[in-house]
Amino acid sequence: MTPKCVRITAIISQILIILWAAVSLAASFSQNSLIMYWTGGGGLGSAETNEKISLWATIVYCVACLLLTISNLIMCNDAKFNKSGKLTLVPLVASALTTAVLPIAVGYVTNVQSVLVAQIEGADALARLGVYTEIVSMLSYFVHAAMVMAIAASAVYTYAKMQNKSKE
């Protein structure tokens, strides 16, 4: 049986992931307003440059959130997903790998996208991309908090499952 503290922590981690997704979606819909507000009305969000920015880092964050969600589901619904005990290490490995790889992957895709935008679209588009990247990176603290909670919960989950297995 999964300890109650693990389930509570996994649920809170999942709530943070859902909160990040909702706020990121809202930010995506109101990009121009956010960019205008962020720059103090500095012209980066004017009517002629109102193209939506699709940030590649957001896709990387979505993949990370999917892996964390799988980890949280296994920990919360242990009786359904881990009857045989073969998935005991999956939450720990998934959350640890996600935490280790996420900053590298986000940095890489952000740099590649910045170079491409600078070469193809020019300085104004690069400035808008930079401002929106800053906004998205601030929102990513929800994901980072969820990752920390998922690692802690998965470590306790794995330890508890290994202890139960050794008692049997």
C-alpha atoms as a PDB file:
ATOM      1  CA  MET A   1       0.000   0.000   0.000  1.00  0.00           C
ATOM      2  CA  THR A   2       1.198   3.495  -0.859  1.00  0.00           C
ATOM      3  CA  PRO A   3       1.821   5.774   2.126  1.00  0.00           C
ATOM      4  CA  LYS A   4      -0.725   8.565   2.472  1.00  0.00           C
ATOM      5  CA  CYS A   5       1.958  11.270   2.404  1.00  0.00           C
ATOM      6  CA  VAL A   6       3.094  10.014  -1.016  1.00  0.00           C
ATOM      7  CA  ARG A   7      -0.403  10.276  -2.443  1.00  0.00           C
ATOM      8  CA  ILE A   8      -0.909  13.756  -1.026  1.00  0.00           C
ATOM      9  CA  THR A   9       2.435  14.946  -2.393  1.00  0.00           C
ATOM     10  CA  ALA A  10       1.749  13.412  -5.815  1.00  0.00           C
ATOM     11  CA  ILE A  11      -1.662  15.095  -5.919  1.00  0.00           C
ATOM     12  CA  ILE A  12      -0.161  18.478  -5.016  1.00  0.00           C
ATOM     13  CA  SER A  13       2.505  17.950  -7.669  1.00  0.00           C
ATOM     14  CA  GLN A  14      -0.211  17.233 -10.210  1.00  0.00           C
ATOM     15  CA  ILE A  15      -2.159  20.324  -9.140  1.00  0.00           C
ATOM     16  CA  LEU A  16       0.959  22.425  -9.791  1.00  0.00           C
ATOM     17  CA  ILE A  17       1.275  20.868 -13.250  1.00  0.00           C
ATOM     18  CA  ILE A  18      -2.363  21.657 -14.022  1.00  0.00           C
ATOM     19  CA  LEU A  19      -1.911  25.195 -12.690  1.00  0.00           C
ATOM     20  CA  TRP A  20       1.129  25.683 -14.947  1.00  0.00           C
ATOM     21  CA  ALA A  21      -0.820  24.402 -17.950  1.00  0.00           C
ATOM     22  CA  ALA A  22      -3.771  26.704 -17.273  1.00  0.00           C
ATOM     23  CA  VAL A  23      -1.655  29.809 -16.703  1.00  0.00           C
ATOM     24  CA  SER A  24       0.543  29.033 -19.731  1.00  0.00           C
ATOM     25  CA  LEU A  25      -2.528  28.610 -21.899  1.00  0.00           C
ATOM     26  CA  ALA A  26      -3.931  31.920 -20.677  1.00  0.00           C
ATOM     27  CA  ALA A  27      -0.572  33.591 -21.332  1.00  0.00           C
ATOM     28  CA  SER A  28      -0.532  32.152 -24.840  1.00  0.00           C
ATOM     29  CA  PHE A  29      -3.947  33.619 -25.626  1.00  0.00           C
ATOM     30  CA  SER A  30      -2.983  37.070 -24.340  1.00  0.00           C
ATOM     31  CA  GLN A  31       0.581  37.279 -25.631  1.00  0.00           C
ATOM     32  CA  ASN A  32       0.340  40.780 -27.044  1.00  0.00           C
ATOM     33  CA  SER A  33      -1.138  42.229 -23.878  1.00  0.00           C
ATOM     34  CA  LEU A  34       1.473  40.504 -21.727  1.00  0.00           C
ATOM     35  CA  ILE A  35       4.344  41.652 -23.920  1.00  0.00           C
ATOM     36  CA  MET A  36       3.020  45.227 -23.932  1.00  0.00           C
ATOM     37  CA  TYR A  37       2.624  45.161 -20.148  1.00  0.00           C
ATOM     38  CA  TRP A  38       6.025  43.527 -19.608  1.00  0.00           C
ATOM     39  CA  THR A  39       7.845  46.093 -21.727  1.00  0.00           C
ATOM     40  CA  GLY A  40       5.858  49.055 -20.424  1.00  0.00           C
ATOM     41  CA  GLY A  41       4.154  49.589 -23.766  1.00  0.00           C
ATOM     42  CA  GLY A  42       7.493  49.622 -25.540  1.00  0.00           C
ATOM     43  CA  GLY A  43       6.093  48.857 -28.997  1.00  0.00           C
ATOM     44  CA  LEU A  44       6.943  45.165 -29.047  1.00  0.00           C
ATOM     45  CA  GLY A  45       3.272  44.254 -28.847  1.00  0.00           C
ATOM     46  CA  SER A  46       1.986  46.730 -31.407  1.00  0.00           C
ATOM     47  CA  ALA A  47      -0.663  45.937 -33.993  1.00  0.00           C
ATOM     48  CA  GLU A  48       1.807  45.286 -36.815  1.00  0.00           C
ATOM     49  CA  THR A  49       3.697  42.637 -34.835  1.00  0.00           C
ATOM     50  CA  ASN A  50       0.798  40.709 -33.375  1.00  0.00           C
ATOM     51  CA  GLU A  51       1.900  37.274 -34.622  1.00  0.00           C
ATOM     52  CA  LYS A  52       1.594  34.535 -32.039  1.00  0.00           C
ATOM     53  CA  ILE A  53       4.839  33.144 -30.731  1.00  0.00           C
ATOM     54  CA  SER A  54       5.041  29.377 -30.453  1.00  0.00           C
ATOM     55  CA  LEU A  55       7.757  28.788 -27.918  1.00  0.00           C
ATOM     56  CA  TRP A  56       9.561  25.477 -28.359  1.00  0.00           C
ATOM     57  CA  ALA A  57      10.449  25.415 -24.676  1.00  0.00           C
ATOM     58  CA  THR A  58       6.748  25.083 -23.878  1.00  0.00           C
ATOM     59  CA  ILE A  59       6.672  21.827 -25.831  1.00  0.00           C
ATOM     60  CA  VAL A  60       9.614  20.541 -23.784  1.00  0.00           C
ATOM     61  CA  TYR A  61       7.800  21.523 -20.586  1.00  0.00           C
ATOM     62  CA  CYS A  62       4.685  19.653 -21.797  1.00  0.00           C
ATOM     63  CA  VAL A  63       6.718  16.475 -22.332  1.00  0.00           C
ATOM     64  CA  ALA A  64       8.227  16.858 -18.857  1.00  0.00           C
ATOM     65  CA  CYS A  65       4.777  17.358 -17.373  1.00  0.00           C
ATOM     66  CA  LEU A  66       3.552  14.232 -19.146  1.00  0.00           C
ATOM     67  CA  LEU A  67       6.362  12.186 -17.582  1.00  0.00           C
ATOM     68  CA  LEU A  68       5.635  13.663 -14.158  1.00  0.00           C
ATOM     69  CA  THR A  69       1.940  12.915 -14.614  1.00  0.00           C
ATOM     70  CA  ILE A  70       2.725   9.265 -15.373  1.00  0.00           C
ATOM     71  CA  SER A  71       4.877   9.141 -12.254  1.00  0.00           C
ATOM     72  CA  ASN A  72       2.127  10.723 -10.149  1.00  0.00           C
ATOM     73  CA  LEU A  73      -0.506   8.360 -11.536  1.00  0.00           C
ATOM     74  CA  ILE A  74       1.540   5.295 -10.682  1.00  0.00           C
ATOM     75  CA  MET A  75       2.071   6.542  -7.126  1.00  0.00           C
ATOM     76  CA  CYS A  76      -1.557   7.530  -6.555  1.00  0.00           C
ATOM     77  CA  ASN A  77      -3.169   4.482  -8.167  1.00  0.00           C
ATOM     78  CA  ASP A  78      -0.718   1.854  -7.067  1.00  0.00           C
ATOM     79  CA  ALA A  79      -3.343  -0.878  -6.848  1.00  0.00           C
ATOM     80  CA  LYS A  80      -4.360  -0.313 -10.475  1.00  0.00           C
ATOM     81  CA  PHE A  81      -1.037   0.383 -12.204  1.00  0.00           C
ATOM     82  CA  ASN A  82       1.513  -1.500 -10.112  1.00  0.00           C
ATOM     83  CA  LYS A  83      -0.195  -4.723  -9.028  1.00  0.00           C
ATOM     84  CA  SER A  84       2.791  -6.885  -9.880  1.00  0.00           C
ATOM     85  CA  GLY A  85       5.352  -4.511  -8.362  1.00  0.00           C
ATOM     86  CA  LYS A  86       7.321  -4.232 -11.607  1.00  0.00           C
ATOM     87  CA  LEU A  87       6.749  -0.480 -11.873  1.00  0.00           C
ATOM     88  CA  THR A  88       8.134   0.377  -8.439  1.00  0.00           C
ATOM     89  CA  LEU A  89      11.174   2.221  -9.784  1.00  0.00           C
ATOM     90  CA  VAL A  90       9.380   3.945 -12.674  1.00  0.00           C
ATOM     91  CA  PRO A  91       8.216   7.020 -10.704  1.00  0.00           C
ATOM     92  CA  LEU A  92      11.681   7.615  -9.264  1.00  0.00           C
ATOM     93  CA  VAL A  93      13.474   7.124 -12.577  1.00  0.00           C
ATOM     94  CA  ALA A  94      10.941   9.203 -14.544  1.00  0.00           C
ATOM     95  CA  SER A  95      10.972  12.141 -12.140  1.00  0.00           C
ATOM     96  CA  ALA A  96      14.753  12.061 -11.683  1.00  0.00           C
ATOM     97  CA  LEU A  97      15.479  11.913 -15.415  1.00  0.00           C
ATOM     98  CA  THR A  98      12.957  14.646 -16.097  1.00  0.00           C
ATOM     99  CA  THR A  99      14.558  16.882 -13.510  1.00  0.00           C
ATOM    100  CA  ALA A 100      18.049  16.212 -14.823  1.00  0.00           C
ATOM    101  CA  VAL A 101      17.295  16.635 -18.529  1.00  0.00           C
ATOM    102  CA  LEU A 102      14.727  19.468 -18.477  1.00  0.00           C
ATOM    103  CA  PRO A 103      17.077  22.459 -17.983  1.00  0.00           C
ATOM    104  CA  ILE A 104      19.453  21.203 -20.677  1.00  0.00           C
ATOM    105  CA  ALA A 105      16.646  20.534 -23.155  1.00  0.00           C
ATOM    106  CA  VAL A 106      14.937  23.878 -22.524  1.00  0.00           C
ATOM    107  CA  GLY A 107      18.209  25.762 -22.883  1.00  0.00           C
ATOM    108  CA  TYR A 108      19.030  23.980 -26.121  1.00  0.00           C
ATOM    109  CA  VAL A 109      15.671  24.519 -27.824  1.00  0.00           C
ATOM    110  CA  THR A 110      15.564  28.139 -26.652  1.00  0.00           C
ATOM    111  CA  ASN A 111      18.981  28.832 -28.167  1.00  0.00           C
ATOM    112  CA  VAL A 112      18.119  27.108 -31.441  1.00  0.00           C
ATOM    113  CA  GLN A 113      14.819  28.960 -31.715  1.00  0.00           C
ATOM    114  CA  SER A 114      16.484  32.296 -30.924  1.00  0.00           C
ATOM    115  CA  VAL A 115      19.112  31.807 -33.624  1.00  0.00           C
ATOM    116  CA  LEU A 116      16.502  30.818 -36.188  1.00  0.00           C
ATOM    117  CA  VAL A 117      14.222  33.733 -35.337  1.00  0.00           C
ATOM    118  CA  ALA A 118      17.140  36.174 -35.496  1.00  0.00           C
ATOM    119  CA  GLN A 119      18.227  34.885 -38.909  1.00  0.00           C
ATOM    120  CA  ILE A 120      14.780  34.563 -40.468  1.00  0.00           C
ATOM    121  CA  GLU A 121      12.577  37.226 -38.886  1.00  0.00           C
ATOM    122  CA  GLY A 122      14.972  39.853 -37.568  1.00  0.00           C
ATOM    123  CA  ALA A 123      15.595  41.880 -34.450  1.00  0.00           C
ATOM    124  CA  ASP A 124      12.007  42.886 -33.635  1.00  0.00           C
ATOM    125  CA  ALA A 125      10.810  39.286 -33.662  1.00  0.00           C
ATOM    126  CA  LEU A 126      13.823  38.275 -31.587  1.00  0.00           C
ATOM    127  CA  ALA A 127      13.003  40.965 -29.025  1.00  0.00           C
ATOM    128  CA  ARG A 128       9.393  39.743 -28.786  1.00  0.00           C
ATOM    129  CA  LEU A 129      10.623  36.172 -28.469  1.00  0.00           C
ATOM    130  CA  GLY A 130      12.991  37.185 -25.679  1.00  0.00           C
ATOM    131  CA  VAL A 131      10.249  38.913 -23.711  1.00  0.00           C
ATOM    132  CA  TYR A 132       7.834  36.025 -24.111  1.00  0.00           C
ATOM    133  CA  THR A 133      10.581  33.524 -23.209  1.00  0.00           C
ATOM    134  CA  GLU A 134      11.124  35.448 -19.983  1.00  0.00           C
ATOM    135  CA  ILE A 135       7.418  35.268 -19.156  1.00  0.00           C
ATOM    136  CA  VAL A 136       7.258  31.531 -19.875  1.00  0.00           C
ATOM    137  CA  SER A 137      10.393  30.867 -17.845  1.00  0.00           C
ATOM    138  CA  MET A 138       8.816  32.580 -14.852  1.00  0.00           C
ATOM    139  CA  LEU A 139       5.731  30.383 -15.220  1.00  0.00           C
ATOM    140  CA  SER A 140       7.957  27.299 -15.329  1.00  0.00           C
ATOM    141  CA  TYR A 141       8.608  27.607 -11.597  1.00  0.00           C
ATOM    142  CA  PHE A 142       5.320  25.731 -11.172  1.00  0.00           C
ATOM    143  CA  VAL A 143       6.844  22.819 -13.113  1.00  0.00           C
ATOM    144  CA  HIS A 144      10.054  22.972 -11.090  1.00  0.00           C
ATOM    145  CA  ALA A 145       8.111  22.831  -7.838  1.00  0.00           C
ATOM    146  CA  ALA A 146       6.110  19.884  -9.180  1.00  0.00           C
ATOM    147  CA  MET A 147       9.358  18.110 -10.116  1.00  0.00           C
ATOM    148  CA  VAL A 148      10.826  18.537  -6.648  1.00  0.00           C
ATOM    149  CA  MET A 149       7.657  17.208  -5.059  1.00  0.00           C
ATOM    150  CA  ALA A 150       7.496  14.279  -7.493  1.00  0.00           C
ATOM    151  CA  ILE A 151      11.098  13.286  -6.742  1.00  0.00           C
ATOM    152  CA  ALA A 152      10.506  13.400  -3.000  1.00  0.00           C
ATOM    153  CA  ALA A 153       7.261  11.437  -3.273  1.00  0.00           C
ATOM    154  CA  SER A 154       8.767   8.860  -5.620  1.00  0.00           C
ATOM    155  CA  ALA A 155      11.756   8.332  -3.334  1.00  0.00           C
ATOM    156  CA  VAL A 156       9.469   7.641  -0.382  1.00  0.00           C
ATOM    157  CA  TYR A 157       7.229   5.485  -2.597  1.00  0.00           C
ATOM    158  CA  THR A 158      10.172   3.385  -3.792  1.00  0.00           C
ATOM    159  CA  TYR A 159      11.532   3.004  -0.287  1.00  0.00           C
ATOM    160  CA  ALA A 160       8.135   1.958   1.097  1.00  0.00           C
ATOM    161  CA  LYS A 161       7.583  -0.549  -1.715  1.00  0.00           C
ATOM    162  CA  MET A 162      11.048  -2.062  -1.259  1.00  0.00           C
ATOM    163  CA  GLN A 163      10.483  -2.367   2.494  1.00  0.00           C
ATOM    164  CA  ASN A 164       7.108  -4.071   1.949  1.00  0.00           C
ATOM    165  CA  LYS A 165       8.688  -6.428  -0.565  1.00  0.00           C
ATOM    166  CA  SER A 166      11.459  -7.415   1.864  1.00  0.00           C
ATOM    167  CA  LYS A 167       8.929  -8.132   4.637  1.00  0.00           C
ATOM    168  CA  GLU A 168       7.049 -10.588   2.463  1.00  0.00           C
END
